Amino acid sequence: VNYSSTGDKTARLILVDNEGCSDTAEYDVFIKAHPKTTITVNDSIQCFNTQDFDFNHSTNWATSSSNGRKYSWTFPTQSSVSSSTSSSVNNVDFTSTGKYTVALIVSDANSCKDTFSIAGIEVQAIPVAKIIVDTSEMCLRGNLHTVSSENNHSAYSWTFPSGSSLSNSATDKSNDVVFSSTGKKLVQLIAGNSSGCYDTTSVEIEVLQHPSASFSINQN
């Protein structure tokens, strides 16, 4: 028997035999309220390389006393945490991308329970940033480097050293850059995908000093 409300309830049994004689038995029961819980998370969709999930609960307790309250968390096998009995679980990460389900059972001092699961936990793949350069070494005079992203991404953010012909606001996939001084130049690329996940890489270009030609004439 399931009751739709809490409180005192009476179960009654009336037994009648073939002669029409009857007897009545009653049993009083009390239906206790159970807690109602939900799971909260700091960010349900995170990138693989920066993931850091914090899980907590939001529970309406049927009893005012905190004594006897229990928590039972269940996480997927790909999680850094398999289970927990704490009220909250922080710094959780997953070993692979995909969508995951996290479940929680709460119980109070009356052993009344509620179960809640959240299926929208998602770890998204990161792009692979890689820079290609037409040549990693070139003489200072007339040097022109084409610096490109090997892969297609939704966003590009380049960082060039001082003395280059491009500013750090370059957002194109491919860039032509000239350097005004010799030495080793570090070019950095942050590549982003449509999910807002990013990867960073860099490449070193060396600009060489060109030789200085001179000659003399023997007038004798």
C-alpha atoms as a PDB file:
ATOM      1  CA  VAL A   1       0.000   0.000   0.000  1.00  0.00           C
ATOM      2  CA  ASN A   2       1.278   3.419  -0.928  1.00  0.00           C
ATOM      3  CA  TYR A   3      -0.043   6.577   0.716  1.00  0.00           C
ATOM      4  CA  SER A   4      -0.124   9.901  -1.087  1.00  0.00           C
ATOM      5  CA  SER A   5       0.369  11.988   2.055  1.00  0.00           C
ATOM      6  CA  THR A   6       2.183  11.857   5.375  1.00  0.00           C
ATOM      7  CA  GLY A   7       0.719  11.562   8.854  1.00  0.00           C
ATOM      8  CA  ASP A   8      -1.421   9.112  10.884  1.00  0.00           C
ATOM      9  CA  LYS A   9      -3.178   6.462   8.850  1.00  0.00           C
ATOM     10  CA  THR A  10      -5.477   3.616   9.896  1.00  0.00           C
ATOM     11  CA  ALA A  11      -5.571   0.300   8.132  1.00  0.00           C
ATOM     12  CA  ARG A  12      -8.834  -1.558   8.715  1.00  0.00           C
ATOM     13  CA  LEU A  13      -9.734  -5.176   7.996  1.00  0.00           C
ATOM     14  CA  ILE A  14     -13.328  -6.440   8.227  1.00  0.00           C
ATOM     15  CA  LEU A  15     -13.708 -10.210   8.094  1.00  0.00           C
ATOM     16  CA  VAL A  16     -17.142 -11.764   7.417  1.00  0.00           C
ATOM     17  CA  ASP A  17     -17.735 -15.532   7.544  1.00  0.00           C
ATOM     18  CA  ASN A  18     -20.358 -17.624   5.754  1.00  0.00           C
ATOM     19  CA  GLU A  19     -22.813 -17.137   8.622  1.00  0.00           C
ATOM     20  CA  GLY A  20     -22.670 -13.364   8.346  1.00  0.00           C
ATOM     21  CA  CYS A  21     -20.669 -12.948  11.477  1.00  0.00           C
ATOM     22  CA  SER A  22     -17.973 -10.325  11.281  1.00  0.00           C
ATOM     23  CA  ASP A  23     -15.008  -8.932  13.121  1.00  0.00           C
ATOM     24  CA  THR A  24     -12.944  -5.825  12.569  1.00  0.00           C
ATOM     25  CA  ALA A  25      -9.238  -5.286  13.117  1.00  0.00           C
ATOM     26  CA  GLU A  26      -7.470  -1.936  12.886  1.00  0.00           C
ATOM     27  CA  TYR A  27      -3.820  -0.999  12.771  1.00  0.00           C
ATOM     28  CA  ASP A  28      -2.537   2.541  13.097  1.00  0.00           C
ATOM     29  CA  VAL A  29       0.497   3.580  11.056  1.00  0.00           C
ATOM     30  CA  PHE A  30       2.382   6.833  10.735  1.00  0.00           C
ATOM     31  CA  ILE A  31       3.768   7.842   7.332  1.00  0.00           C
ATOM     32  CA  LYS A  32       6.960   9.869   7.680  1.00  0.00           C
ATOM     33  CA  ALA A  33       8.028  12.515   5.203  1.00  0.00           C
ATOM     34  CA  HIS A  34      11.117  11.744   3.147  1.00  0.00           C
ATOM     35  CA  PRO A  35      13.856  14.163   2.054  1.00  0.00           C
ATOM     36  CA  LYS A  36      13.916  15.601  -1.463  1.00  0.00           C
ATOM     37  CA  THR A  37      17.339  16.134  -2.998  1.00  0.00           C
ATOM     38  CA  THR A  38      18.953  17.393  -6.187  1.00  0.00           C
ATOM     39  CA  ILE A  39      22.579  17.565  -7.346  1.00  0.00           C
ATOM     40  CA  THR A  40      24.321  20.842  -8.098  1.00  0.00           C
ATOM     41  CA  VAL A  41      27.585  21.162 -10.039  1.00  0.00           C
ATOM     42  CA  ASN A  42      29.882  24.124 -10.621  1.00  0.00           C
ATOM     43  CA  ASP A  43      29.870  23.619 -14.406  1.00  0.00           C
ATOM     44  CA  SER A  44      28.268  20.589 -16.057  1.00  0.00           C
ATOM     45  CA  ILE A  45      30.206  20.965 -19.339  1.00  0.00           C
ATOM     46  CA  GLN A  46      33.990  21.307 -19.119  1.00  0.00           C
ATOM     47  CA  CYS A  47      37.047  20.870 -21.340  1.00  0.00           C
ATOM     48  CA  PHE A  48      39.251  17.816 -20.897  1.00  0.00           C
ATOM     49  CA  ASN A  49      42.468  19.696 -20.133  1.00  0.00           C
ATOM     50  CA  THR A  50      40.938  22.097 -17.584  1.00  0.00           C
ATOM     51  CA  GLN A  51      38.199  19.970 -16.009  1.00  0.00           C
ATOM     52  CA  ASP A  52      37.571  20.341 -12.275  1.00  0.00           C
ATOM     53  CA  PHE A  53      34.056  19.283 -11.281  1.00  0.00           C
ATOM     54  CA  ASP A  54      32.602  20.148  -7.858  1.00  0.00           C
ATOM     55  CA  PHE A  55      29.428  18.306  -6.844  1.00  0.00           C
ATOM     56  CA  ASN A  56      27.093  19.304  -4.038  1.00  0.00           C
ATOM     57  CA  HIS A  57      23.521  18.595  -3.013  1.00  0.00           C
ATOM     58  CA  SER A  58      20.461  20.733  -2.427  1.00  0.00           C
ATOM     59  CA  THR A  59      18.157  18.864  -0.075  1.00  0.00           C
ATOM     60  CA  ASN A  60      14.867  19.695   1.597  1.00  0.00           C
ATOM     61  CA  TRP A  61      15.050  17.667   4.782  1.00  0.00           C
ATOM     62  CA  ALA A  62      11.873  16.375   6.415  1.00  0.00           C
ATOM     63  CA  THR A  63      13.524  16.439   9.831  1.00  0.00           C
ATOM     64  CA  SER A  64      15.096  19.505  11.415  1.00  0.00           C
ATOM     65  CA  SER A  65      17.904  17.583  13.115  1.00  0.00           C
ATOM     66  CA  SER A  66      21.081  16.983  11.128  1.00  0.00           C
ATOM     67  CA  ASN A  67      21.823  13.862  13.164  1.00  0.00           C
ATOM     68  CA  GLY A  68      21.671  10.676  11.156  1.00  0.00           C
ATOM     69  CA  ARG A  69      21.873  12.305   7.757  1.00  0.00           C
ATOM     70  CA  LYS A  70      23.796  10.177   5.278  1.00  0.00           C
ATOM     71  CA  TYR A  71      25.042  10.606   1.721  1.00  0.00           C
ATOM     72  CA  SER A  72      26.000   7.999  -0.848  1.00  0.00           C
ATOM     73  CA  TRP A  73      27.541   9.240  -4.108  1.00  0.00           C
ATOM     74  CA  THR A  74      28.149   6.989  -7.110  1.00  0.00           C
ATOM     75  CA  PHE A  75      30.450   7.978  -9.968  1.00  0.00           C
ATOM     76  CA  PRO A  76      31.358   6.310 -13.311  1.00  0.00           C
ATOM     77  CA  THR A  77      34.419   4.115 -13.576  1.00  0.00           C
ATOM     78  CA  GLN A  78      36.169   6.827 -15.651  1.00  0.00           C
ATOM     79  CA  SER A  79      35.993   9.226 -12.708  1.00  0.00           C
ATOM     80  CA  SER A  80      38.818  10.034 -10.294  1.00  0.00           C
ATOM     81  CA  VAL A  81      36.326   9.278  -7.497  1.00  0.00           C
ATOM     82  CA  SER A  82      34.366   6.006  -7.482  1.00  0.00           C
ATOM     83  CA  SER A  83      32.110   6.729  -4.489  1.00  0.00           C
ATOM     84  CA  SER A  84      31.830   8.998  -1.478  1.00  0.00           C
ATOM     85  CA  THR A  85      29.827   9.451   1.724  1.00  0.00           C
ATOM     86  CA  SER A  86      30.597  13.162   2.065  1.00  0.00           C
ATOM     87  CA  SER A  87      27.947  15.826   1.647  1.00  0.00           C
ATOM     88  CA  SER A  88      29.904  17.275  -1.281  1.00  0.00           C
ATOM     89  CA  VAL A  89      32.607  15.943  -3.613  1.00  0.00           C
ATOM     90  CA  ASN A  90      35.122  18.346  -5.141  1.00  0.00           C
ATOM     91  CA  ASN A  91      37.973  18.248  -7.671  1.00  0.00           C
ATOM     92  CA  VAL A  92      36.544  15.398  -9.712  1.00  0.00           C
ATOM     93  CA  ASP A  93      37.936  14.691 -13.190  1.00  0.00           C
ATOM     94  CA  PHE A  94      37.423  12.033 -15.830  1.00  0.00           C
ATOM     95  CA  THR A  95      39.984  10.029 -17.781  1.00  0.00           C
ATOM     96  CA  SER A  96      38.245  10.408 -21.152  1.00  0.00           C
ATOM     97  CA  THR A  97      35.829  12.656 -22.978  1.00  0.00           C
ATOM     98  CA  GLY A  98      32.106  11.913 -23.127  1.00  0.00           C
ATOM     99  CA  LYS A  99      28.875  12.238 -21.160  1.00  0.00           C
ATOM    100  CA  TYR A 100      28.549  10.846 -17.650  1.00  0.00           C
ATOM    101  CA  THR A 101      25.920  10.246 -14.957  1.00  0.00           C
ATOM    102  CA  VAL A 102      26.442  10.945 -11.258  1.00  0.00           C
ATOM    103  CA  ALA A 103      23.982   9.644  -8.640  1.00  0.00           C
ATOM    104  CA  LEU A 104      23.271  10.547  -5.017  1.00  0.00           C
ATOM    105  CA  ILE A 105      21.201   8.834  -2.298  1.00  0.00           C
ATOM    106  CA  VAL A 106      20.423  10.826   0.852  1.00  0.00           C
ATOM    107  CA  SER A 107      18.828   9.456   4.014  1.00  0.00           C
ATOM    108  CA  ASP A 108      17.737  11.070   7.281  1.00  0.00           C
ATOM    109  CA  ALA A 109      17.504   9.954  10.906  1.00  0.00           C
ATOM    110  CA  ASN A 110      14.270   8.098  10.134  1.00  0.00           C
ATOM    111  CA  SER A 111      16.046   6.099   7.402  1.00  0.00           C
ATOM    112  CA  CYS A 112      13.833   7.779   4.814  1.00  0.00           C
ATOM    113  CA  LYS A 113      15.667   8.133   1.514  1.00  0.00           C
ATOM    114  CA  ASP A 114      15.630   9.977  -1.772  1.00  0.00           C
ATOM    115  CA  THR A 115      17.645   9.313  -4.920  1.00  0.00           C
ATOM    116  CA  PHE A 116      18.690  11.770  -7.607  1.00  0.00           C
ATOM    117  CA  SER A 117      20.941  11.423 -10.642  1.00  0.00           C
ATOM    118  CA  ILE A 118      22.303  13.962 -13.097  1.00  0.00           C
ATOM    119  CA  ALA A 119      23.092  12.748 -16.607  1.00  0.00           C
ATOM    120  CA  GLY A 120      24.356  15.965 -18.162  1.00  0.00           C
ATOM    121  CA  ILE A 121      27.972  15.831 -17.015  1.00  0.00           C
ATOM    122  CA  GLU A 122      30.074  16.273 -20.150  1.00  0.00           C
ATOM    123  CA  VAL A 123      33.820  16.343 -20.761  1.00  0.00           C
ATOM    124  CA  GLN A 124      34.605  17.838 -24.154  1.00  0.00           C
ATOM    125  CA  ALA A 125      37.608  17.187 -26.348  1.00  0.00           C
ATOM    126  CA  ILE A 126      40.249  19.851 -26.785  1.00  0.00           C
ATOM    127  CA  PRO A 127      41.643  20.944 -30.162  1.00  0.00           C
ATOM    128  CA  VAL A 128      45.207  20.040 -31.117  1.00  0.00           C
ATOM    129  CA  ALA A 129      47.184  23.203 -31.799  1.00  0.00           C
ATOM    130  CA  LYS A 130      50.169  22.840 -34.132  1.00  0.00           C
ATOM    131  CA  ILE A 131      52.143  25.503 -35.968  1.00  0.00           C
ATOM    132  CA  ILE A 132      53.762  25.032 -39.346  1.00  0.00           C
ATOM    133  CA  VAL A 133      56.417  27.446 -40.619  1.00  0.00           C
ATOM    134  CA  ASP A 134      57.739  27.658 -44.158  1.00  0.00           C
ATOM    135  CA  THR A 135      61.289  27.765 -42.761  1.00  0.00           C
ATOM    136  CA  SER A 136      62.624  27.896 -39.212  1.00  0.00           C
ATOM    137  CA  GLU A 137      65.764  29.830 -40.216  1.00  0.00           C
ATOM    138  CA  MET A 138      66.120  32.860 -42.465  1.00  0.00           C
ATOM    139  CA  CYS A 139      68.491  35.755 -42.891  1.00  0.00           C
ATOM    140  CA  LEU A 140      67.487  39.141 -41.554  1.00  0.00           C
ATOM    141  CA  ARG A 141      67.503  40.963 -44.891  1.00  0.00           C
ATOM    142  CA  GLY A 142      64.283  40.274 -46.752  1.00  0.00           C
ATOM    143  CA  ASN A 143      63.067  37.692 -44.230  1.00  0.00           C
ATOM    144  CA  LEU A 144      59.395  36.768 -44.652  1.00  0.00           C
ATOM    145  CA  HIS A 145      57.903  33.877 -42.735  1.00  0.00           C
ATOM    146  CA  THR A 146      54.516  32.293 -43.344  1.00  0.00           C
ATOM    147  CA  VAL A 147      53.222  31.004 -39.995  1.00  0.00           C
ATOM    148  CA  SER A 148      50.096  28.867 -40.123  1.00  0.00           C
ATOM    149  CA  SER A 149      47.951  26.567 -38.015  1.00  0.00           C
ATOM    150  CA  GLU A 150      48.166  23.022 -39.316  1.00  0.00           C
ATOM    151  CA  ASN A 151      44.589  22.231 -38.279  1.00  0.00           C
ATOM    152  CA  ASN A 152      41.303  24.056 -38.765  1.00  0.00           C
ATOM    153  CA  HIS A 153      39.871  25.624 -35.600  1.00  0.00           C
ATOM    154  CA  SER A 154      37.074  27.982 -34.673  1.00  0.00           C
ATOM    155  CA  ALA A 155      39.401  30.578 -33.154  1.00  0.00           C
ATOM    156  CA  TYR A 156      43.073  31.541 -33.364  1.00  0.00           C
ATOM    157  CA  SER A 157      45.022  33.811 -31.047  1.00  0.00           C
ATOM    158  CA  TRP A 158      48.653  34.454 -32.002  1.00  0.00           C
ATOM    159  CA  THR A 159      51.397  35.985 -29.888  1.00  0.00           C
ATOM    160  CA  PHE A 160      54.419  37.391 -31.715  1.00  0.00           C
ATOM    161  CA  PRO A 161      57.587  38.800 -30.114  1.00  0.00           C
ATOM    162  CA  SER A 162      58.440  42.466 -30.148  1.00  0.00           C
ATOM    163  CA  GLY A 163      60.051  43.630 -33.354  1.00  0.00           C
ATOM    164  CA  SER A 164      57.716  41.616 -35.561  1.00  0.00           C
ATOM    165  CA  SER A 165      55.470  43.049 -38.224  1.00  0.00           C
ATOM    166  CA  LEU A 166      52.341  41.564 -36.592  1.00  0.00           C
ATOM    167  CA  SER A 167      50.649  42.499 -33.365  1.00  0.00           C
ATOM    168  CA  ASN A 168      49.446  40.062 -30.756  1.00  0.00           C
ATOM    169  CA  SER A 169      45.872  40.518 -31.940  1.00  0.00           C
ATOM    170  CA  ALA A 170      46.327  38.377 -35.056  1.00  0.00           C
ATOM    171  CA  THR A 171      43.411  35.941 -35.368  1.00  0.00           C
ATOM    172  CA  ASP A 172      43.882  34.458 -38.853  1.00  0.00           C
ATOM    173  CA  LYS A 173      44.782  30.855 -39.543  1.00  0.00           C
ATOM    174  CA  SER A 174      47.829  31.885 -41.622  1.00  0.00           C
ATOM    175  CA  ASN A 175      50.026  34.950 -41.200  1.00  0.00           C
ATOM    176  CA  ASP A 176      52.976  36.490 -43.023  1.00  0.00           C
ATOM    177  CA  VAL A 177      55.426  38.006 -40.556  1.00  0.00           C
ATOM    178  CA  VAL A 178      58.707  39.933 -40.879  1.00  0.00           C
ATOM    179  CA  PHE A 179      61.181  40.394 -38.034  1.00  0.00           C
ATOM    180  CA  SER A 180      63.279  43.534 -37.659  1.00  0.00           C
ATOM    181  CA  SER A 181      66.108  42.031 -35.615  1.00  0.00           C
ATOM    182  CA  THR A 182      68.168  38.861 -35.448  1.00  0.00           C
ATOM    183  CA  GLY A 183      67.879  36.136 -32.865  1.00  0.00           C
ATOM    184  CA  LYS A 184      65.506  33.400 -31.831  1.00  0.00           C
ATOM    185  CA  LYS A 185      61.841  34.402 -32.003  1.00  0.00           C
ATOM    186  CA  LEU A 186      59.087  32.551 -30.120  1.00  0.00           C
ATOM    187  CA  VAL A 187      55.664  32.465 -31.765  1.00  0.00           C
ATOM    188  CA  GLN A 188      52.721  31.149 -29.756  1.00  0.00           C
ATOM    189  CA  LEU A 189      49.295  29.959 -30.897  1.00  0.00           C
ATOM    190  CA  ILE A 190      46.175  29.400 -28.799  1.00  0.00           C
ATOM    191  CA  ALA A 191      43.632  27.425 -30.839  1.00  0.00           C
ATOM    192  CA  GLY A 192      39.996  27.114 -29.807  1.00  0.00           C
ATOM    193  CA  ASN A 193      37.075  24.979 -30.941  1.00  0.00           C
ATOM    194  CA  SER A 194      33.345  25.712 -31.057  1.00  0.00           C
ATOM    195  CA  SER A 195      32.899  24.329 -27.520  1.00  0.00           C
ATOM    196  CA  GLY A 196      35.226  26.929 -26.046  1.00  0.00           C
ATOM    197  CA  CYS A 197      38.073  24.468 -25.393  1.00  0.00           C
ATOM    198  CA  TYR A 198      41.621  25.587 -26.131  1.00  0.00           C
ATOM    199  CA  ASP A 199      45.098  24.224 -26.706  1.00  0.00           C
ATOM    200  CA  THR A 200      48.381  26.139 -26.736  1.00  0.00           C
ATOM    201  CA  THR A 201      51.579  25.514 -28.669  1.00  0.00           C
ATOM    202  CA  SER A 202      54.634  27.480 -29.739  1.00  0.00           C
ATOM    203  CA  VAL A 203      57.442  27.382 -32.294  1.00  0.00           C
ATOM    204  CA  GLU A 204      60.857  29.009 -32.395  1.00  0.00           C
ATOM    205  CA  ILE A 205      62.079  30.857 -35.475  1.00  0.00           C
ATOM    206  CA  GLU A 206      65.664  31.986 -35.831  1.00  0.00           C
ATOM    207  CA  VAL A 207      66.527  35.129 -37.790  1.00  0.00           C
ATOM    208  CA  LEU A 208      70.184  35.082 -38.842  1.00  0.00           C
ATOM    209  CA  GLN A 209      72.496  38.028 -39.401  1.00  0.00           C
ATOM    210  CA  HIS A 210      73.307  38.380 -43.082  1.00  0.00           C
ATOM    211  CA  PRO A 211      76.954  38.814 -44.063  1.00  0.00           C
ATOM    212  CA  SER A 212      78.364  42.269 -44.701  1.00  0.00           C
ATOM    213  CA  ALA A 213      80.137  42.365 -48.056  1.00  0.00           C
ATOM    214  CA  SER A 214      82.982  44.780 -48.805  1.00  0.00           C
ATOM    215  CA  PHE A 215      85.897  44.940 -51.206  1.00  0.00           C
ATOM    216  CA  SER A 216      88.912  47.044 -51.935  1.00  0.00           C
ATOM    217  CA  ILE A 217      90.703  47.949 -55.165  1.00  0.00           C
ATOM    218  CA  ASN A 218      94.432  47.792 -55.583  1.00  0.00           C
ATOM    219  CA  GLN A 219      95.213  50.849 -57.739  1.00  0.00           C
ATOM    220  CA  ASN A 220      98.783  49.869 -58.485  1.00  0.00           C
END
